[in-house]
N, C-alpha and C. Protein backbone atom coordinates (compact mmCIF):
# COMPACT_ATOMS: atom_id res chain seq x y z
N MET A 1 58.69 63.23 172.78
CA MET A 1 58.48 64.68 172.79
C MET A 1 58.52 65.24 171.37
N ARG A 2 59.40 64.69 170.56
CA ARG A 2 59.51 65.18 169.20
C ARG A 2 58.20 65.01 168.44
N HIS A 3 57.54 63.86 168.66
CA HIS A 3 56.27 63.62 167.97
C HIS A 3 55.19 64.58 168.46
N LEU A 4 55.23 64.91 169.77
CA LEU A 4 54.24 65.85 170.30
C LEU A 4 54.42 67.22 169.66
N LEU A 5 55.68 67.66 169.51
CA LEU A 5 55.93 68.95 168.88
C LEU A 5 55.46 68.95 167.44
N LEU A 6 55.75 67.89 166.71
CA LEU A 6 55.32 67.81 165.32
C LEU A 6 53.81 67.87 165.21
N LEU A 7 53.10 67.17 166.12
CA LEU A 7 51.64 67.20 166.12
C LEU A 7 51.13 68.60 166.41
N PHE A 8 51.76 69.28 167.39
CA PHE A 8 51.36 70.63 167.75
C PHE A 8 51.52 71.58 166.56
N VAL A 9 52.67 71.49 165.91
CA VAL A 9 52.94 72.36 164.76
C VAL A 9 52.00 72.06 163.62
N LEU A 10 51.68 70.78 163.41
CA LEU A 10 50.76 70.42 162.34
C LEU A 10 49.39 71.04 162.59
N LEU A 11 48.95 71.02 163.83
CA LEU A 11 47.66 71.62 164.16
C LEU A 11 47.67 73.12 163.86
N LEU A 12 48.77 73.78 164.22
CA LEU A 12 48.86 75.21 163.99
C LEU A 12 48.93 75.55 162.51
N SER A 13 49.65 74.74 161.75
CA SER A 13 49.85 75.07 160.35
C SER A 13 48.64 74.74 159.49
N THR A 14 47.73 73.94 160.00
CA THR A 14 46.56 73.56 159.21
C THR A 14 45.30 74.26 159.69
N ALA A 15 45.44 75.12 160.69
CA ALA A 15 44.27 75.83 161.22
C ALA A 15 44.56 77.32 161.27
N SER A 16 43.53 78.09 161.46
CA SER A 16 43.72 79.53 161.59
C SER A 16 44.27 79.84 162.96
N LEU A 17 44.86 81.06 163.11
CA LEU A 17 45.38 81.45 164.40
C LEU A 17 44.27 81.50 165.44
N THR A 18 43.10 81.93 165.05
CA THR A 18 41.99 81.99 166.00
C THR A 18 41.69 80.61 166.57
N HIS A 19 41.70 79.60 165.70
CA HIS A 19 41.44 78.25 166.17
C HIS A 19 42.56 77.80 167.10
N ALA A 20 43.82 78.13 166.73
CA ALA A 20 44.95 77.70 167.54
C ALA A 20 44.92 78.34 168.92
N GLN A 21 44.35 79.55 169.01
CA GLN A 21 44.34 80.26 170.27
C GLN A 21 43.45 79.59 171.31
N THR A 22 42.61 78.65 170.93
CA THR A 22 41.75 77.98 171.89
C THR A 22 42.51 76.89 172.64
N HIS A 23 43.75 76.58 172.23
CA HIS A 23 44.54 75.54 172.86
C HIS A 23 45.57 76.16 173.80
N ASN A 24 45.47 75.86 175.12
CA ASN A 24 46.42 76.38 176.08
C ASN A 24 47.78 75.73 175.86
N PHE A 25 48.85 76.53 175.92
CA PHE A 25 50.18 75.99 175.75
C PHE A 25 51.17 76.87 176.49
N LYS A 26 52.38 76.35 176.64
CA LYS A 26 53.44 77.08 177.32
C LYS A 26 54.54 77.43 176.35
N ILE A 27 55.23 78.54 176.63
CA ILE A 27 56.48 78.85 175.95
C ILE A 27 57.59 78.77 177.00
N ALA A 28 58.85 78.77 176.54
CA ALA A 28 59.93 78.50 177.48
C ALA A 28 61.11 79.44 177.28
N LYS A 29 61.89 79.60 178.35
CA LYS A 29 63.17 80.29 178.31
C LYS A 29 64.27 79.24 178.29
N LEU A 30 65.29 79.47 177.46
CA LEU A 30 66.35 78.49 177.28
C LEU A 30 67.45 78.69 178.33
N LYS A 31 67.77 77.59 179.03
CA LYS A 31 68.86 77.57 180.00
C LYS A 31 70.08 76.94 179.34
N TYR A 32 71.21 77.65 179.36
CA TYR A 32 72.41 77.17 178.69
C TYR A 32 73.61 77.25 179.63
N ASN A 33 74.68 76.59 179.25
CA ASN A 33 75.92 76.59 180.02
C ASN A 33 76.90 77.63 179.47
N GLY A 34 77.98 77.86 180.21
CA GLY A 34 79.01 78.79 179.78
C GLY A 34 79.19 79.97 180.72
N GLY A 35 78.26 80.16 181.63
CA GLY A 35 78.38 81.25 182.60
C GLY A 35 77.56 82.48 182.29
N GLY A 36 76.99 82.56 181.09
CA GLY A 36 76.14 83.70 180.75
C GLY A 36 74.84 83.69 181.53
N ASP A 37 74.26 84.87 181.71
CA ASP A 37 73.04 84.99 182.52
C ASP A 37 71.79 84.70 181.69
N TRP A 38 71.56 83.41 181.47
CA TRP A 38 70.39 82.97 180.70
C TRP A 38 69.10 83.40 181.38
N TYR A 39 69.16 83.66 182.67
CA TYR A 39 67.98 83.97 183.50
C TYR A 39 67.64 85.46 183.51
N ALA A 40 68.36 86.26 182.70
CA ALA A 40 68.13 87.71 182.70
C ALA A 40 66.70 88.06 182.31
N ASN A 41 66.30 89.28 182.66
CA ASN A 41 64.98 89.81 182.28
C ASN A 41 63.83 88.93 182.81
N LYS A 42 63.76 88.84 184.11
CA LYS A 42 62.81 87.91 184.74
C LYS A 42 61.35 88.26 184.45
N THR A 43 61.04 89.53 184.22
CA THR A 43 59.63 89.90 183.99
C THR A 43 59.27 89.97 182.52
N SER A 44 60.26 89.76 181.63
CA SER A 44 59.99 90.02 180.21
C SER A 44 59.00 89.04 179.60
N LEU A 45 59.24 87.74 179.73
CA LEU A 45 58.31 86.79 179.10
C LEU A 45 56.92 86.82 179.73
N PRO A 46 56.79 86.89 181.07
CA PRO A 46 55.44 87.02 181.62
C PRO A 46 54.68 88.22 181.08
N ASN A 47 55.37 89.34 180.88
CA ASN A 47 54.70 90.53 180.33
C ASN A 47 54.34 90.35 178.86
N LEU A 48 55.22 89.71 178.10
CA LEU A 48 54.90 89.44 176.70
C LEU A 48 53.71 88.49 176.58
N ILE A 49 53.71 87.47 177.42
CA ILE A 49 52.59 86.53 177.42
C ILE A 49 51.28 87.25 177.74
N LYS A 50 51.30 88.08 178.76
CA LYS A 50 50.10 88.84 179.14
C LYS A 50 49.64 89.72 178.00
N PHE A 51 50.59 90.39 177.33
CA PHE A 51 50.25 91.26 176.20
C PHE A 51 49.59 90.45 175.08
N CYS A 52 50.16 89.31 174.75
CA CYS A 52 49.61 88.49 173.66
C CYS A 52 48.24 87.92 174.02
N ASN A 53 48.08 87.51 175.26
CA ASN A 53 46.78 86.97 175.68
C ASN A 53 45.69 88.05 175.64
N GLN A 54 46.05 89.27 176.02
CA GLN A 54 45.07 90.34 176.08
C GLN A 54 44.77 90.96 174.71
N ASN A 55 45.79 91.07 173.89
CA ASN A 55 45.64 91.81 172.63
C ASN A 55 45.49 90.93 171.40
N LEU A 56 45.94 89.68 171.47
CA LEU A 56 45.85 88.78 170.33
C LEU A 56 44.96 87.58 170.63
N ASN A 57 44.31 87.60 171.80
CA ASN A 57 43.42 86.52 172.22
C ASN A 57 44.10 85.15 172.20
N MET A 58 45.40 85.14 172.54
CA MET A 58 46.08 83.87 172.68
C MET A 58 45.75 83.26 174.03
N ASN A 59 46.13 82.03 174.20
CA ASN A 59 45.84 81.32 175.44
C ASN A 59 47.12 80.66 175.94
N ILE A 60 48.12 81.50 176.20
CA ILE A 60 49.42 81.01 176.66
C ILE A 60 49.42 80.98 178.19
N ALA A 61 49.99 79.92 178.75
CA ALA A 61 50.13 79.84 180.21
C ALA A 61 50.89 81.06 180.72
N ALA A 62 50.45 81.60 181.86
CA ALA A 62 50.96 82.89 182.34
C ALA A 62 52.44 82.88 182.67
N GLU A 63 52.96 81.77 183.15
CA GLU A 63 54.37 81.67 183.51
C GLU A 63 55.09 80.80 182.50
N GLU A 64 56.25 81.29 182.05
CA GLU A 64 57.03 80.50 181.10
C GLU A 64 57.73 79.34 181.81
N ALA A 65 58.05 78.31 181.05
CA ALA A 65 58.86 77.22 181.55
C ALA A 65 60.33 77.57 181.38
N VAL A 66 61.20 76.82 182.03
CA VAL A 66 62.65 76.89 181.82
C VAL A 66 63.09 75.54 181.31
N VAL A 67 63.82 75.52 180.19
CA VAL A 67 64.22 74.26 179.59
C VAL A 67 65.69 74.31 179.21
N GLU A 68 66.40 73.24 179.47
CA GLU A 68 67.82 73.16 179.14
C GLU A 68 68.00 72.78 177.67
N VAL A 69 69.09 73.25 177.08
CA VAL A 69 69.33 73.05 175.65
C VAL A 69 69.32 71.57 175.28
N GLY A 70 69.89 70.73 176.13
CA GLY A 70 70.01 69.31 175.80
C GLY A 70 68.89 68.44 176.28
N SER A 71 67.84 69.04 176.86
CA SER A 71 66.76 68.25 177.44
C SER A 71 65.76 67.79 176.40
N PRO A 72 65.23 66.56 176.54
CA PRO A 72 64.14 66.13 175.65
C PRO A 72 62.88 66.97 175.85
N GLU A 73 62.77 67.65 176.98
CA GLU A 73 61.61 68.50 177.23
C GLU A 73 61.55 69.69 176.27
N LEU A 74 62.66 70.00 175.62
CA LEU A 74 62.67 71.09 174.64
C LEU A 74 61.57 70.92 173.60
N PHE A 75 61.29 69.67 173.24
CA PHE A 75 60.32 69.38 172.19
C PHE A 75 58.88 69.60 172.65
N SER A 76 58.69 69.97 173.91
CA SER A 76 57.34 70.22 174.43
C SER A 76 56.86 71.64 174.15
N TYR A 77 57.75 72.51 173.67
CA TYR A 77 57.43 73.93 173.55
C TYR A 77 57.56 74.40 172.10
N PRO A 78 56.54 75.04 171.56
CA PRO A 78 56.60 75.51 170.17
C PRO A 78 57.48 76.74 169.99
N PHE A 79 57.74 77.46 171.09
CA PHE A 79 58.49 78.71 171.05
C PHE A 79 59.43 78.76 172.24
N VAL A 80 60.72 78.98 171.97
CA VAL A 80 61.72 79.07 173.04
C VAL A 80 62.48 80.38 172.88
N HIS A 81 62.64 81.09 173.99
CA HIS A 81 63.31 82.39 174.01
C HIS A 81 64.64 82.27 174.72
N MET A 82 65.65 82.92 174.17
CA MET A 82 67.00 82.88 174.75
C MET A 82 67.54 84.29 174.86
N THR A 83 68.17 84.60 175.99
CA THR A 83 68.74 85.94 176.18
C THR A 83 69.97 85.85 177.06
N GLY A 84 70.57 87.00 177.37
CA GLY A 84 71.74 87.05 178.23
C GLY A 84 72.76 88.06 177.74
N HIS A 85 73.80 88.24 178.57
CA HIS A 85 74.86 89.21 178.26
C HIS A 85 76.20 88.54 177.96
N GLY A 86 76.39 87.31 178.39
CA GLY A 86 77.73 86.74 178.40
C GLY A 86 77.90 85.44 177.64
N ASN A 87 78.80 84.63 178.14
CA ASN A 87 79.26 83.44 177.44
C ASN A 87 78.17 82.38 177.29
N VAL A 88 78.24 81.69 176.17
CA VAL A 88 77.32 80.58 175.86
C VAL A 88 78.17 79.42 175.36
N ILE A 89 77.90 78.23 175.87
CA ILE A 89 78.57 77.03 175.37
C ILE A 89 77.54 75.94 175.16
N PHE A 90 77.45 75.44 173.92
CA PHE A 90 76.64 74.26 173.62
C PHE A 90 77.58 73.07 173.45
N SER A 91 77.34 72.00 174.16
CA SER A 91 78.07 70.77 173.90
C SER A 91 77.61 70.21 172.56
N ASP A 92 78.32 69.22 172.04
CA ASP A 92 77.92 68.61 170.78
C ASP A 92 76.52 68.01 170.89
N ALA A 93 76.24 67.36 172.03
CA ALA A 93 74.93 66.75 172.22
C ALA A 93 73.84 67.81 172.32
N GLU A 94 74.12 68.92 172.99
CA GLU A 94 73.14 70.00 173.10
C GLU A 94 72.87 70.63 171.75
N ALA A 95 73.94 70.86 170.98
CA ALA A 95 73.77 71.44 169.65
C ALA A 95 72.92 70.53 168.77
N GLN A 96 73.13 69.23 168.87
CA GLN A 96 72.35 68.29 168.07
C GLN A 96 70.90 68.28 168.51
N ASN A 97 70.67 68.36 169.82
CA ASN A 97 69.30 68.37 170.33
C ASN A 97 68.56 69.62 169.87
N LEU A 98 69.25 70.78 169.93
CA LEU A 98 68.63 72.02 169.48
C LEU A 98 68.36 71.98 167.98
N ARG A 99 69.28 71.42 167.22
CA ARG A 99 69.09 71.28 165.78
C ARG A 99 67.86 70.42 165.49
N ASN A 100 67.76 69.28 166.17
CA ASN A 100 66.62 68.39 165.95
C ASN A 100 65.30 69.08 166.30
N TYR A 101 65.32 69.86 167.38
CA TYR A 101 64.13 70.60 167.78
C TYR A 101 63.70 71.58 166.70
N LEU A 102 64.65 72.34 166.17
CA LEU A 102 64.32 73.35 165.17
C LEU A 102 63.89 72.71 163.85
N LEU A 103 64.52 71.60 163.48
CA LEU A 103 64.14 70.92 162.24
C LEU A 103 62.79 70.22 162.37
N SER A 104 62.38 69.97 163.61
CA SER A 104 61.10 69.30 163.85
C SER A 104 59.92 70.26 163.94
N GLY A 105 60.18 71.55 163.77
CA GLY A 105 59.09 72.52 163.79
C GLY A 105 59.16 73.52 164.91
N GLY A 106 60.17 73.40 165.79
CA GLY A 106 60.32 74.36 166.87
C GLY A 106 60.87 75.69 166.37
N PHE A 107 60.83 76.70 167.24
CA PHE A 107 61.28 78.04 166.89
C PHE A 107 62.07 78.62 168.05
N LEU A 108 63.23 79.19 167.73
CA LEU A 108 64.09 79.82 168.73
C LEU A 108 64.20 81.31 168.46
N HIS A 109 63.87 82.12 169.46
CA HIS A 109 64.11 83.56 169.40
C HIS A 109 65.27 83.88 170.33
N ILE A 110 66.32 84.45 169.78
CA ILE A 110 67.48 84.88 170.56
C ILE A 110 67.48 86.39 170.63
N ASP A 111 67.53 86.94 171.84
CA ASP A 111 67.57 88.39 172.01
C ASP A 111 68.86 88.77 172.71
N ASP A 112 69.75 89.47 172.01
CA ASP A 112 71.01 89.91 172.60
C ASP A 112 70.73 91.00 173.62
N ASN A 113 71.07 90.68 174.87
CA ASN A 113 70.85 91.63 175.96
C ASN A 113 72.09 92.50 176.16
N TYR A 114 72.93 92.55 175.15
CA TYR A 114 74.19 93.28 175.04
C TYR A 114 75.34 92.42 175.56
N GLY A 115 76.18 92.00 174.63
CA GLY A 115 77.33 91.19 174.96
C GLY A 115 77.21 89.74 174.55
N LEU A 116 76.07 89.34 174.05
CA LEU A 116 75.83 87.94 173.68
C LEU A 116 76.35 87.62 172.27
N ASP A 117 76.48 88.62 171.44
CA ASP A 117 76.65 88.41 170.01
C ASP A 117 77.83 87.52 169.65
N LYS A 118 79.00 87.82 170.16
CA LYS A 118 80.19 87.07 169.74
C LYS A 118 80.15 85.61 170.19
N PHE A 119 79.37 85.33 171.22
CA PHE A 119 79.25 83.96 171.71
C PHE A 119 78.18 83.17 170.94
N ILE A 120 77.04 83.79 170.75
CA ILE A 120 75.93 83.05 170.15
C ILE A 120 76.17 82.76 168.68
N ARG A 121 76.85 83.62 167.99
CA ARG A 121 77.14 83.35 166.58
C ARG A 121 78.01 82.10 166.44
N LYS A 122 78.99 81.95 167.30
CA LYS A 122 79.88 80.79 167.27
C LYS A 122 79.12 79.51 167.63
N GLU A 123 78.25 79.60 168.64
CA GLU A 123 77.54 78.41 169.09
C GLU A 123 76.46 77.97 168.11
N MET A 124 75.81 78.94 167.46
CA MET A 124 74.80 78.55 166.48
C MET A 124 75.43 77.90 165.25
N LYS A 125 76.73 78.14 165.04
CA LYS A 125 77.43 77.45 163.96
C LYS A 125 77.57 75.96 164.27
N LYS A 126 77.59 75.61 165.55
CA LYS A 126 77.58 74.20 165.93
C LYS A 126 76.24 73.56 165.59
N VAL A 127 75.19 74.34 165.73
CA VAL A 127 73.84 73.83 165.49
C VAL A 127 73.58 73.70 163.99
N PHE A 128 73.93 74.73 163.23
CA PHE A 128 73.73 74.74 161.78
C PHE A 128 75.03 75.15 161.08
N PRO A 129 76.01 74.23 160.98
CA PRO A 129 77.27 74.59 160.32
C PRO A 129 77.10 74.96 158.85
N GLU A 130 76.00 74.51 158.24
CA GLU A 130 75.79 74.76 156.82
C GLU A 130 75.11 76.09 156.53
N TYR A 131 74.64 76.80 157.58
CA TYR A 131 73.91 78.04 157.37
C TYR A 131 74.58 79.21 158.07
N GLU A 132 74.32 80.40 157.53
CA GLU A 132 74.75 81.65 158.15
C GLU A 132 73.52 82.36 158.72
N LEU A 133 73.75 83.17 159.74
CA LEU A 133 72.72 84.10 160.18
C LEU A 133 72.65 85.23 159.16
N VAL A 134 71.50 85.38 158.51
CA VAL A 134 71.34 86.38 157.47
C VAL A 134 70.36 87.45 157.94
N GLU A 135 70.64 88.69 157.58
CA GLU A 135 69.74 89.77 157.97
C GLU A 135 68.46 89.68 157.15
N LEU A 136 67.33 89.75 157.83
CA LEU A 136 66.04 89.66 157.15
C LEU A 136 65.65 91.03 156.61
N PRO A 137 65.11 91.07 155.40
CA PRO A 137 64.64 92.35 154.85
C PRO A 137 63.42 92.85 155.62
N PHE A 138 63.20 94.15 155.55
CA PHE A 138 62.10 94.75 156.32
C PHE A 138 60.73 94.29 155.83
N ASP A 139 60.65 93.74 154.62
CA ASP A 139 59.36 93.24 154.14
C ASP A 139 59.14 91.77 154.49
N HIS A 140 60.02 91.21 155.32
CA HIS A 140 59.79 89.85 155.78
C HIS A 140 58.51 89.83 156.62
N PRO A 141 57.70 88.78 156.51
CA PRO A 141 56.41 88.75 157.23
C PRO A 141 56.52 88.80 158.75
N ILE A 142 57.69 88.53 159.32
CA ILE A 142 57.79 88.62 160.77
C ILE A 142 57.60 90.05 161.26
N TYR A 143 57.82 91.02 160.37
CA TYR A 143 57.65 92.43 160.72
C TYR A 143 56.24 92.95 160.47
N SER A 144 55.35 92.09 160.02
CA SER A 144 54.00 92.58 159.69
C SER A 144 52.93 91.55 160.02
N GLN A 145 53.06 90.89 161.15
CA GLN A 145 52.05 89.92 161.56
C GLN A 145 50.80 90.65 162.04
N LYS A 146 50.75 90.98 163.29
CA LYS A 146 49.64 91.76 163.85
C LYS A 146 49.94 93.26 163.75
N TYR A 147 51.23 93.60 163.92
CA TYR A 147 51.64 95.00 163.94
C TYR A 147 52.68 95.22 162.84
N ASN A 148 52.64 96.41 162.24
CA ASN A 148 53.51 96.69 161.11
C ASN A 148 54.77 97.44 161.56
N PHE A 149 55.93 96.85 161.24
CA PHE A 149 57.22 97.48 161.50
C PHE A 149 57.94 97.59 160.16
N SER A 150 57.55 98.57 159.37
CA SER A 150 58.06 98.71 158.01
C SER A 150 59.53 99.10 157.96
N SER A 151 60.08 99.57 159.09
CA SER A 151 61.50 99.92 159.15
C SER A 151 62.29 98.93 160.00
N GLY A 152 61.71 97.78 160.24
CA GLY A 152 62.41 96.76 161.02
C GLY A 152 62.22 96.92 162.51
N LEU A 153 63.14 96.37 163.27
CA LEU A 153 63.03 96.30 164.72
C LEU A 153 63.04 97.68 165.37
N PRO A 154 62.27 97.84 166.45
CA PRO A 154 62.36 99.10 167.22
C PRO A 154 63.64 99.13 168.04
N LYS A 155 64.11 100.31 168.34
CA LYS A 155 65.29 100.49 169.18
C LYS A 155 64.83 100.79 170.60
N VAL A 156 65.15 99.89 171.52
CA VAL A 156 64.73 100.06 172.91
C VAL A 156 65.82 100.77 173.71
N HIS A 157 67.05 100.22 173.68
CA HIS A 157 68.17 100.81 174.41
C HIS A 157 69.35 101.05 173.48
N GLU A 158 70.06 102.12 173.74
CA GLU A 158 71.24 102.48 172.96
C GLU A 158 72.49 101.93 173.62
N HIS A 159 73.35 101.27 172.83
CA HIS A 159 74.60 100.76 173.36
C HIS A 159 75.79 101.26 172.54
N ASP A 160 75.86 100.86 171.29
CA ASP A 160 77.03 101.16 170.46
C ASP A 160 76.70 102.02 169.25
N SER A 161 75.60 102.75 169.33
CA SER A 161 75.18 103.62 168.22
C SER A 161 75.01 102.85 166.92
N LYS A 162 74.58 101.59 167.04
CA LYS A 162 74.32 100.75 165.87
C LYS A 162 72.82 100.61 165.67
N PRO A 163 72.37 100.45 164.44
CA PRO A 163 70.95 100.24 164.21
C PRO A 163 70.53 98.84 164.66
N PRO A 164 69.29 98.66 165.09
CA PRO A 164 68.83 97.31 165.41
C PRO A 164 68.76 96.45 164.16
N GLN A 165 69.08 95.17 164.31
CA GLN A 165 69.07 94.26 163.18
C GLN A 165 68.40 92.94 163.58
N GLY A 166 67.69 92.36 162.63
CA GLY A 166 67.08 91.06 162.84
C GLY A 166 67.69 90.04 161.89
N PHE A 167 68.31 89.01 162.44
CA PHE A 167 68.95 87.98 161.65
C PHE A 167 68.18 86.67 161.78
N GLY A 168 68.29 85.85 160.76
CA GLY A 168 67.58 84.57 160.80
C GLY A 168 68.41 83.43 160.26
N ILE A 169 68.05 82.24 160.71
CA ILE A 169 68.54 81.00 160.10
C ILE A 169 67.35 80.38 159.39
N ILE A 170 67.52 80.13 158.11
CA ILE A 170 66.42 79.64 157.27
C ILE A 170 66.77 78.26 156.75
N HIS A 171 65.90 77.32 157.03
CA HIS A 171 66.08 75.94 156.57
C HIS A 171 64.94 75.56 155.64
N GLU A 172 65.30 75.26 154.41
CA GLU A 172 64.32 74.85 153.40
C GLU A 172 63.15 75.83 153.33
N GLY A 173 63.49 77.10 153.34
CA GLY A 173 62.48 78.15 153.20
C GLY A 173 61.77 78.54 154.48
N ARG A 174 62.07 77.87 155.59
CA ARG A 174 61.40 78.17 156.86
C ARG A 174 62.36 78.84 157.82
N LEU A 175 61.93 79.95 158.39
CA LEU A 175 62.71 80.63 159.42
C LEU A 175 62.60 79.83 160.71
N VAL A 176 63.71 79.28 161.18
CA VAL A 176 63.70 78.44 162.37
C VAL A 176 64.27 79.16 163.58
N CYS A 177 65.06 80.21 163.34
CA CYS A 177 65.66 80.97 164.43
C CYS A 177 65.68 82.44 164.04
N PHE A 178 65.24 83.29 164.95
CA PHE A 178 65.26 84.74 164.73
C PHE A 178 66.10 85.36 165.82
N TYR A 179 67.12 86.12 165.43
CA TYR A 179 68.07 86.71 166.36
C TYR A 179 67.96 88.23 166.30
N THR A 180 67.55 88.83 167.40
CA THR A 180 67.38 90.28 167.46
C THR A 180 68.60 90.90 168.15
N TYR A 181 69.24 91.84 167.43
CA TYR A 181 70.54 92.39 167.82
C TYR A 181 70.47 93.92 167.88
N GLU A 182 71.09 94.48 168.92
CA GLU A 182 71.14 95.94 169.10
C GLU A 182 69.76 96.57 169.23
N THR A 183 68.85 95.83 169.84
CA THR A 183 67.51 96.37 170.05
C THR A 183 67.08 96.31 171.50
N ASP A 184 67.47 95.24 172.23
CA ASP A 184 67.07 95.04 173.63
C ASP A 184 65.55 94.88 173.77
N LEU A 185 64.98 94.08 172.91
CA LEU A 185 63.54 93.84 172.99
C LEU A 185 63.13 93.35 174.37
N GLY A 186 63.88 92.38 174.90
CA GLY A 186 63.52 91.80 176.20
C GLY A 186 63.49 92.83 177.31
N ASN A 187 64.40 93.81 177.27
CA ASN A 187 64.35 94.89 178.26
C ASN A 187 63.08 95.71 178.10
N GLY A 188 62.65 95.88 176.87
CA GLY A 188 61.41 96.61 176.63
C GLY A 188 60.18 95.89 177.11
N TRP A 189 60.26 94.56 177.23
CA TRP A 189 59.13 93.79 177.74
C TRP A 189 59.03 93.83 179.27
N GLU A 190 60.11 94.21 179.92
CA GLU A 190 60.14 94.13 181.38
C GLU A 190 59.21 95.17 182.03
N ASP A 191 58.97 94.97 183.33
CA ASP A 191 58.18 95.93 184.09
C ASP A 191 58.77 97.33 183.92
N ARG A 192 57.92 98.32 183.80
CA ARG A 192 58.38 99.67 183.47
C ARG A 192 59.38 100.22 184.47
N GLU A 193 59.20 99.91 185.77
CA GLU A 193 60.07 100.50 186.78
C GLU A 193 61.49 99.94 186.75
N ILE A 194 61.72 98.86 186.04
CA ILE A 194 63.07 98.27 186.00
C ILE A 194 64.01 99.13 185.17
N HIS A 195 63.57 99.58 184.02
CA HIS A 195 64.43 100.38 183.14
C HIS A 195 63.91 101.80 182.91
N ASN A 196 62.70 102.08 183.39
CA ASN A 196 62.09 103.41 183.23
C ASN A 196 62.00 103.84 181.77
N ASP A 197 61.74 102.88 180.90
CA ASP A 197 61.55 103.21 179.49
C ASP A 197 60.20 103.89 179.30
N PRO A 198 60.11 104.82 178.35
CA PRO A 198 58.82 105.43 178.04
C PRO A 198 57.81 104.37 177.61
N GLU A 199 56.57 104.59 177.93
CA GLU A 199 55.54 103.59 177.62
C GLU A 199 55.44 103.34 176.12
N GLN A 200 55.66 104.36 175.32
CA GLN A 200 55.62 104.17 173.87
C GLN A 200 56.68 103.16 173.41
N ILE A 201 57.88 103.24 174.00
CA ILE A 201 58.95 102.30 173.66
C ILE A 201 58.58 100.89 174.12
N ARG A 202 58.04 100.78 175.32
CA ARG A 202 57.63 99.47 175.83
C ARG A 202 56.57 98.85 174.93
N GLN A 203 55.62 99.64 174.50
CA GLN A 203 54.57 99.11 173.64
C GLN A 203 55.12 98.65 172.30
N GLN A 204 56.06 99.40 171.75
CA GLN A 204 56.69 98.98 170.50
C GLN A 204 57.42 97.65 170.67
N ALA A 205 58.13 97.52 171.77
CA ALA A 205 58.84 96.26 172.04
C ALA A 205 57.87 95.10 172.20
N LEU A 206 56.79 95.31 172.93
CA LEU A 206 55.80 94.26 173.13
C LEU A 206 55.11 93.88 171.83
N ARG A 207 54.82 94.86 171.00
CA ARG A 207 54.17 94.58 169.72
C ARG A 207 55.09 93.77 168.80
N MET A 208 56.38 94.13 168.79
CA MET A 208 57.31 93.36 167.97
C MET A 208 57.45 91.94 168.53
N GLY A 209 57.48 91.81 169.84
CA GLY A 209 57.52 90.49 170.45
C GLY A 209 56.30 89.66 170.09
N ALA A 210 55.15 90.31 170.07
CA ALA A 210 53.92 89.63 169.67
C ALA A 210 54.00 89.17 168.22
N ASN A 211 54.59 89.99 167.36
CA ASN A 211 54.79 89.58 165.97
C ASN A 211 55.66 88.33 165.88
N ILE A 212 56.75 88.31 166.64
CA ILE A 212 57.67 87.17 166.60
C ILE A 212 56.96 85.91 167.06
N LEU A 213 56.23 86.01 168.15
CA LEU A 213 55.53 84.85 168.68
C LEU A 213 54.44 84.38 167.73
N THR A 214 53.69 85.31 167.17
CA THR A 214 52.66 84.96 166.20
C THR A 214 53.26 84.27 164.99
N PHE A 215 54.34 84.84 164.47
CA PHE A 215 55.00 84.24 163.31
C PHE A 215 55.45 82.82 163.62
N ALA A 216 56.04 82.63 164.77
CA ALA A 216 56.55 81.31 165.16
C ALA A 216 55.43 80.27 165.18
N LEU A 217 54.29 80.66 165.70
CA LEU A 217 53.18 79.71 165.82
C LEU A 217 52.49 79.42 164.50
N VAL A 218 52.38 80.43 163.66
CA VAL A 218 51.62 80.26 162.42
C VAL A 218 52.47 79.67 161.30
N HIS A 219 53.74 80.03 161.26
CA HIS A 219 54.56 79.66 160.11
C HIS A 219 55.43 78.43 160.32
N SER A 220 55.45 77.88 161.53
CA SER A 220 56.20 76.64 161.74
C SER A 220 55.46 75.49 161.08
N GLU A 221 56.21 74.66 160.39
CA GLU A 221 55.58 73.52 159.74
C GLU A 221 56.62 72.46 159.42
């Protein structure tokens, strides 16, 4: 699986996005242990996929896969999304598998659905003990792929009166993990009737999600 992921990433990094869009592929949601609701936001990824296929001419399979942190199947997906509200536990073997996946060209997007922060920071230290999650500047290219977010992440839901922040883990100059905090992007991707968010907010969330996915596919190498 690792070799398949490396081949996939090589194709993306040596071709234009338009060329890459002709290849059907799947993205996945990360299933983890610890009791946290990894399965939250059931409509978010399908809606993001639909948005990207319609507006960016991508060719992503309509339904996301579900993949466990320690599974060799992790290497089958160029983009993996993680969310939830509660506890997260990575075993040593799972942390090593996730590390190998990210170093091999994979990309992890973590979206705090409120309450995940204190758990995921500790667990990502198991994956990359040598790195810190660092806040990305607003001129980072992840904020200006297809859509321009010159002030950083949009604010979807208010929780603690904190500004939204985007953190990253960078290995040898490559962003391998992007962590969105105090924004609730995934809630913004969900069906409108679930949270009754204004359509303008939903569109901002979807556009930022499209930027993240585009960045992951084009800049992984």
